């Protein structure tokens, strides 16, 4: 097998191909021939050495991929040879062959292409776990989603609607179509407008993907016993919160980190993804097809994520890659 490993902590430019022995397949594992890999900001954190889950040796980043089952363990009954699958892992997706417990793997719908499938697990697992598992969202509740034009934000709008919520999207750029949510708002005056839209009551749940000043607005927008789920700080600013406000208003603030579920509780994550794939089959979710990059362009693609110039989800296409390509990436 080949992996894209880092020689040391740093940036994506020091990723290089490394040949490793093929792992022996365990009874509950599958071997996946990888067709495409989804790219995420968190992989830059993995490479930097600041990631919250200890790095393997060798350091192979990556959370999500799609491909085909090429071998199944003796105890695996849920997958067959040649079946198209996607996988969610805590490390190691940057590879041409993945050996992983079958619990991390889900079938790819026939109508979904490999690139879209590779980019599906992180965004939709994050959205579903944040809203329903951590946020306790119920049908009919009012939900506010910040960062609504991003990959997770877009997925969250769709998941919230599929689950029967009234959805308010917060879009700083003004690029989001009005049909993407029940209401699309700009950040200025957010709390006031949310209260106006809810008859003064406030939102039941807020999903904060941005952090910074918008978090204060979100907390002010919450109803009595409202909940805020934090799952990222796209603004680059980690907000400070007064626990006195949390106490006197009886609100709850909880966190969600999909990498933690991939490492500690994959059953909950895959249950969420099974629900999302079911909704996809019903036409309730419409994942965006990511922008394709070759392996040679992976470092540049991650660089565009780092500097904020990547406007869409990105994925690396491994199909057609020559098996003896080695050396540092361009």
Protein backbone atom coordinates (compact mmCIF):
# COMPACT_ATOMS: atom_id res chain seq x y z
CA UNK A 1 0.00 0.00 0.00
CA UNK A 2 1.04 3.61 -0.46
CA UNK A 3 0.34 6.46 1.94
CA UNK A 4 0.80 10.20 1.78
CA UNK A 5 2.83 10.67 4.93
CA UNK A 6 4.44 13.69 6.56
CA UNK A 7 8.16 13.54 7.34
CA UNK A 8 7.60 15.86 10.30
CA UNK A 9 5.06 18.33 11.61
CA UNK A 10 4.57 21.34 9.39
CA UNK A 11 2.66 22.24 6.26
CA UNK A 12 1.26 20.15 3.40
CA UNK A 13 4.30 20.74 1.20
CA UNK A 14 6.25 18.03 3.06
CA UNK A 15 3.74 15.24 2.34
CA UNK A 16 5.31 12.48 0.27
CA UNK A 17 4.45 9.03 -0.99
CA UNK A 18 5.64 6.21 1.22
CA UNK A 19 5.37 2.49 0.51
CA UNK A 20 4.24 0.37 3.46
CA UNK A 21 3.56 -3.37 3.80
CA UNK A 22 -0.09 -4.25 3.31
CA UNK A 23 -1.60 -4.82 6.78
CA UNK A 24 -3.00 -8.25 7.52
CA UNK A 25 -6.78 -8.04 7.50
CA UNK A 26 -8.49 -8.64 10.84
CA UNK A 27 -11.74 -10.65 11.03
CA UNK A 28 -13.90 -7.51 11.41
CA UNK A 29 -12.00 -5.37 8.93
CA UNK A 30 -12.25 -4.51 5.25
CA UNK A 31 -9.69 -3.38 2.71
CA UNK A 32 -10.81 -0.49 0.52
CA UNK A 33 -9.22 0.45 -2.79
CA UNK A 34 -9.39 4.23 -2.54
CA UNK A 35 -10.84 6.22 -5.44
CA UNK A 36 -11.07 9.69 -3.87
CA UNK A 37 -10.20 11.54 -0.67
CA UNK A 38 -12.08 14.48 0.84
CA UNK A 39 -9.96 17.43 2.03
CA UNK A 40 -10.64 19.36 5.23
CA UNK A 41 -9.10 22.17 7.27
CA UNK A 42 -8.61 19.76 10.17
CA UNK A 43 -5.96 17.90 8.15
CA UNK A 44 -3.82 21.03 8.33
CA UNK A 45 -4.20 20.84 12.11
CA UNK A 46 -3.15 17.19 12.01
CA UNK A 47 -0.05 18.13 10.04
CA UNK A 48 0.77 21.04 12.37
CA UNK A 49 1.08 18.77 15.40
CA UNK A 50 -1.72 20.53 17.30
CA UNK A 51 -4.41 17.94 16.70
CA UNK A 52 -6.24 16.70 19.80
CA UNK A 53 -5.94 12.99 18.91
CA UNK A 54 -2.38 11.57 19.03
CA UNK A 55 -0.74 11.04 15.65
CA UNK A 56 0.09 7.58 14.31
CA UNK A 57 3.51 6.62 13.02
CA UNK A 58 3.87 7.27 10.15
CA UNK A 59 1.90 10.52 10.26
CA UNK A 60 -0.81 9.99 7.62
CA UNK A 61 -3.59 12.61 7.80
CA UNK A 62 -7.13 12.42 6.50
CA UNK A 63 -10.66 11.74 7.67
CA UNK A 64 -12.81 10.70 4.71
CA UNK A 65 -12.61 8.76 1.48
CA UNK A 66 -14.55 6.70 -1.03
CA UNK A 67 -13.59 3.58 -2.92
CA UNK A 68 -14.32 -0.08 -3.51
CA UNK A 69 -14.16 -3.09 -1.20
CA UNK A 70 -11.28 -5.32 -2.35
CA UNK A 71 -11.14 -7.69 0.64
CA UNK A 72 -13.38 -8.52 3.60
CA UNK A 73 -12.53 -10.08 6.95
CA UNK A 74 -13.91 -13.45 7.96
CA UNK A 75 -16.53 -11.97 10.33
CA UNK A 76 -17.76 -9.22 7.97
CA UNK A 77 -21.22 -9.91 6.55
CA UNK A 78 -22.40 -6.38 5.71
CA UNK A 79 -20.11 -5.70 2.71
CA UNK A 80 -19.15 -7.62 -0.41
CA UNK A 81 -16.24 -7.55 -2.83
CA UNK A 82 -16.57 -4.81 -5.42
CA UNK A 83 -19.06 -2.78 -3.37
CA UNK A 84 -18.64 1.00 -3.48
CA UNK A 85 -18.22 2.52 -0.02
CA UNK A 86 -17.29 5.67 1.89
CA UNK A 87 -15.39 5.74 5.17
CA UNK A 88 -14.97 8.08 8.14
CA UNK A 89 -11.71 7.68 10.09
CA UNK A 90 -9.71 9.62 12.67
CA UNK A 91 -6.39 9.41 10.77
CA UNK A 92 -5.03 7.73 7.66
CA UNK A 93 -7.38 8.57 4.79
CA UNK A 94 -4.48 9.76 2.61
CA UNK A 95 -3.78 6.34 1.15
CA UNK A 96 -4.46 4.24 -1.92
CA UNK A 97 -5.64 1.27 0.19
CA UNK A 98 -7.28 1.54 3.58
CA UNK A 99 -7.61 -1.28 6.08
CA UNK A 100 -10.22 -0.35 8.67
CA UNK A 101 -12.88 -1.86 10.90
CA UNK A 102 -16.07 -2.35 8.90
CA UNK A 103 -17.87 -0.15 11.46
CA UNK A 104 -16.22 2.90 9.82
CA UNK A 105 -17.58 2.09 6.36
CA UNK A 106 -20.92 2.85 4.70
CA UNK A 107 -22.33 1.93 1.29
CA UNK A 108 -22.34 4.60 -1.41
CA UNK A 109 -25.70 5.13 -3.16
CA UNK A 110 -25.66 4.23 -6.83
CA UNK A 111 -26.55 7.80 -7.82
CA UNK A 112 -23.60 9.34 -5.92
CA UNK A 113 -20.24 9.68 -7.69
CA UNK A 114 -16.92 8.92 -6.00
CA UNK A 115 -15.84 12.52 -5.42
CA UNK A 116 -19.14 13.47 -3.81
CA UNK A 117 -19.05 10.31 -1.69
CA UNK A 118 -15.50 11.07 -0.50
CA UNK A 119 -16.61 14.54 0.60
CA UNK A 120 -19.82 13.39 2.31
CA UNK A 121 -18.87 11.88 5.70
CA UNK A 122 -17.24 14.79 7.55
CA UNK A 123 -19.74 17.51 6.62
CA UNK A 124 -22.90 15.47 7.08
CA UNK A 125 -21.78 13.58 10.18
CA UNK A 126 -20.78 16.91 11.75
CA UNK A 127 -24.11 18.48 10.85
CA UNK A 128 -26.24 15.57 12.07
CA UNK A 129 -24.27 14.96 15.28
CA UNK A 130 -24.21 18.67 16.11
CA UNK A 131 -27.89 19.28 15.55
CA UNK A 132 -29.55 16.07 16.69
CA UNK A 133 -27.14 14.17 18.92
CA UNK A 134 -25.47 17.05 20.75
CA UNK A 135 -28.08 19.75 20.17
CA UNK A 136 -31.14 17.59 20.81
CA UNK A 137 -33.01 19.26 17.95
CA UNK A 138 -36.69 18.37 17.68
CA UNK A 139 -39.18 18.74 14.87
CA UNK A 140 -40.72 22.20 14.76
CA UNK A 141 -37.91 23.95 16.62
CA UNK A 142 -36.21 27.10 15.34
CA UNK A 143 -32.54 26.58 14.50
CA UNK A 144 -29.93 29.20 13.60
CA UNK A 145 -26.89 28.10 11.55
CA UNK A 146 -23.85 30.35 11.11
CA UNK A 147 -21.25 29.86 8.39
CA UNK A 148 -24.12 28.72 6.23
CA UNK A 149 -22.25 28.91 2.92
CA UNK A 150 -19.47 26.56 4.05
CA UNK A 151 -19.40 22.80 3.62
CA UNK A 152 -20.67 21.95 7.10
CA UNK A 153 -23.03 24.93 7.13
CA UNK A 154 -24.65 23.87 3.86
CA UNK A 155 -25.02 20.32 5.14
CA UNK A 156 -26.50 21.61 8.41
CA UNK A 157 -29.18 23.64 6.61
CA UNK A 158 -30.23 20.53 4.70
CA UNK A 159 -30.14 18.22 7.75
CA UNK A 160 -32.13 20.66 9.89
CA UNK A 161 -34.80 20.96 7.22
CA UNK A 162 -34.92 17.21 6.65
CA UNK A 163 -35.48 16.77 10.41
CA UNK A 164 -38.39 19.22 10.37
CA UNK A 165 -36.86 22.34 11.88
CA UNK A 166 -37.53 25.96 11.03
CA UNK A 167 -34.13 27.10 9.76
CA UNK A 168 -32.49 30.52 9.94
CA UNK A 169 -29.23 30.78 7.99
CA UNK A 170 -26.59 33.39 8.76
CA UNK A 171 -24.65 34.40 5.64
CA UNK A 172 -22.06 37.15 5.83
CA UNK A 173 -21.29 37.02 2.10
CA UNK A 174 -24.80 37.45 0.75
CA UNK A 175 -24.21 34.56 -1.65
CA UNK A 176 -26.76 32.16 -0.16
CA UNK A 177 -30.00 31.86 -2.16
CA UNK A 178 -33.15 32.68 -0.18
CA UNK A 179 -34.48 29.17 -0.81
CA UNK A 180 -31.62 27.62 1.21
CA UNK A 181 -33.44 28.28 4.49
CA UNK A 182 -36.69 29.64 5.85
CA UNK A 183 -34.87 32.92 6.52
CA UNK A 184 -31.42 34.12 5.43
CA UNK A 185 -29.88 36.86 7.59
CA UNK A 186 -26.70 38.91 7.69
CA UNK A 187 -24.77 38.99 11.02
CA UNK A 188 -25.43 42.63 12.05
CA UNK A 189 -28.37 42.79 14.47
CA UNK A 190 -28.74 39.02 14.36
CA UNK A 191 -30.19 38.57 17.86
CA UNK A 192 -32.78 41.30 17.36
CA UNK A 193 -33.98 39.91 14.03
CA UNK A 194 -34.13 36.33 15.32
CA UNK A 195 -36.30 37.48 18.21
CA UNK A 196 -38.54 39.39 15.81
CA UNK A 197 -38.94 36.29 13.65
CA UNK A 198 -39.82 34.18 16.69
CA UNK A 199 -42.32 36.55 18.27
CA UNK A 200 -39.82 37.61 20.93
CA UNK A 201 -39.12 34.06 22.11
CA UNK A 202 -35.73 33.42 20.50
CA UNK A 203 -34.20 30.37 18.82
CA UNK A 204 -34.31 26.92 20.37
CA UNK A 205 -30.92 25.91 18.98
CA UNK A 206 -27.93 27.63 17.39
CA UNK A 207 -25.11 25.88 15.53
CA UNK A 208 -22.01 28.05 15.74
CA UNK A 209 -19.39 27.31 13.08
CA UNK A 210 -17.84 30.78 13.14
CA UNK A 211 -17.02 31.88 16.68
CA UNK A 212 -15.82 35.41 17.38
CA UNK A 213 -18.32 38.22 17.78
CA UNK A 214 -21.16 36.28 16.19
CA UNK A 215 -21.22 33.91 19.18
CA UNK A 216 -22.34 36.75 21.44
CA UNK A 217 -25.18 37.50 19.03
CA UNK A 218 -26.16 33.83 18.96
CA UNK A 219 -26.29 33.60 22.74
CA UNK A 220 -28.47 36.72 22.85
CA UNK A 221 -30.73 35.15 20.21
CA UNK A 222 -31.42 32.00 22.24
CA UNK A 223 -34.73 31.32 23.91
CA UNK A 224 -35.09 30.36 27.57
CA UNK A 225 -33.45 26.92 27.89
CA UNK A 226 -32.00 27.32 24.41
CA UNK A 227 -28.90 25.43 23.31
CA UNK A 228 -25.78 26.46 21.43
CA UNK A 229 -23.53 23.87 19.79
CA UNK A 230 -20.01 24.96 18.90
CA UNK A 231 -18.14 22.94 16.31
CA UNK A 232 -15.61 25.33 14.80
CA UNK A 233 -14.14 28.81 14.71
CA UNK A 234 -14.04 29.85 11.07
CA UNK A 235 -13.48 33.46 12.12
CA UNK A 236 -10.20 32.44 13.72
CA UNK A 237 -11.36 33.83 17.05
CA UNK A 238 -12.34 31.63 20.00
CA UNK A 239 -15.06 33.53 21.90
CA UNK A 240 -15.11 34.13 25.63
CA UNK A 241 -18.42 33.32 27.33
CA UNK A 242 -19.76 34.45 30.71
CA UNK A 243 -20.97 31.47 32.72
CA UNK A 244 -23.18 33.89 34.64
CA UNK A 245 -25.18 34.45 31.44
CA UNK A 246 -25.41 30.70 30.97
CA UNK A 247 -26.72 30.31 34.52
CA UNK A 248 -29.30 33.10 34.71
CA UNK A 249 -30.77 32.37 31.28
CA UNK A 250 -30.78 28.58 31.72
CA UNK A 251 -29.04 28.05 28.39
CA UNK A 252 -26.68 25.22 27.45
CA UNK A 253 -23.43 25.34 25.49
CA UNK A 254 -22.05 22.05 24.16
CA UNK A 255 -19.29 21.08 21.77
CA UNK A 256 -19.12 18.65 18.86
CA UNK A 257 -15.95 17.28 17.26
CA UNK A 258 -16.48 14.70 14.54
CA UNK A 259 -12.89 13.47 14.83
CA UNK A 260 -13.61 12.45 18.40
CA UNK A 261 -16.51 10.32 17.23
CA UNK A 262 -14.37 8.74 14.50
CA UNK A 263 -11.83 7.77 17.16
CA UNK A 264 -14.05 7.02 20.20
CA UNK A 265 -17.65 6.37 19.13
CA UNK A 266 -17.84 5.45 15.46
CA UNK A 267 -21.20 3.71 15.96
CA UNK A 268 -22.91 7.03 16.77
CA UNK A 269 -21.26 8.72 13.79
CA UNK A 270 -22.19 6.01 11.31
CA UNK A 271 -25.76 5.92 12.64
CA UNK A 272 -25.96 9.62 11.84
CA UNK A 273 -24.53 9.04 8.38
CA UNK A 274 -26.96 6.19 7.68
CA UNK A 275 -29.80 8.62 8.44
CA UNK A 276 -28.26 11.21 6.13
CA UNK A 277 -27.88 8.67 3.33
CA UNK A 278 -31.50 7.69 3.79
CA UNK A 279 -32.53 11.33 3.47
CA UNK A 280 -30.29 11.61 0.40
CA UNK A 281 -32.18 8.69 -1.14
CA UNK A 282 -35.44 10.53 -0.46
CA UNK A 283 -34.14 13.65 -2.19
CA UNK A 284 -33.99 15.68 1.04
CA UNK A 285 -30.22 16.23 0.94
CA UNK A 286 -28.31 17.59 -2.04
CA UNK A 287 -24.55 17.41 -1.39
CA UNK A 288 -22.43 19.65 -3.56
CA UNK A 289 -19.95 17.89 -5.83
CA UNK A 290 -16.47 18.94 -4.69
CA UNK A 291 -13.81 20.51 -6.87
CA UNK A 292 -11.48 17.80 -8.18
CA UNK A 293 -7.73 17.87 -7.64
CA UNK A 294 -5.04 15.40 -8.64
CA UNK A 295 -2.57 14.02 -6.11
CA UNK A 296 0.10 16.30 -7.58
CA UNK A 297 -2.06 19.29 -6.66
CA UNK A 298 -2.91 18.16 -3.14
CA UNK A 299 -0.45 20.45 -1.36
CA UNK A 300 -1.72 23.46 -3.29
CA UNK A 301 -5.32 22.45 -2.58
CA UNK A 302 -4.65 22.26 1.16
CA UNK A 303 -2.85 25.59 0.89
CA UNK A 304 -5.98 27.17 -0.57
CA UNK A 305 -7.98 25.83 2.38
CA UNK A 306 -5.40 27.29 4.77
CA UNK A 307 -5.48 30.76 3.25
CA UNK A 308 -9.25 30.84 2.80
CA UNK A 309 -9.29 30.98 -1.00
CA UNK A 310 -10.98 27.58 -1.41
CA UNK A 311 -14.59 28.55 -2.02
CA UNK A 312 -15.92 25.00 -2.34
CA UNK A 313 -15.30 21.56 -0.91
CA UNK A 314 -12.19 19.93 -2.38
CA UNK A 315 -11.41 16.29 -3.09
CA UNK A 316 -8.42 14.41 -4.50
CA UNK A 317 -9.08 11.93 -7.31
CA UNK A 318 -6.83 8.86 -7.07
CA UNK A 319 -8.31 7.12 -10.08
CA UNK A 320 -5.68 6.71 -12.77
CA UNK A 321 -2.77 7.59 -10.47
CA UNK A 322 0.34 5.64 -11.50
CA UNK A 323 1.27 3.09 -8.83
CA UNK A 324 4.97 3.97 -8.78
CA UNK A 325 4.62 7.73 -8.34
CA UNK A 326 6.80 8.77 -5.40
CA UNK A 327 8.53 11.79 -3.94
CA UNK A 328 7.29 15.10 -2.51
CA UNK A 329 4.10 16.65 -3.79
CA UNK A 330 4.12 19.74 -5.95
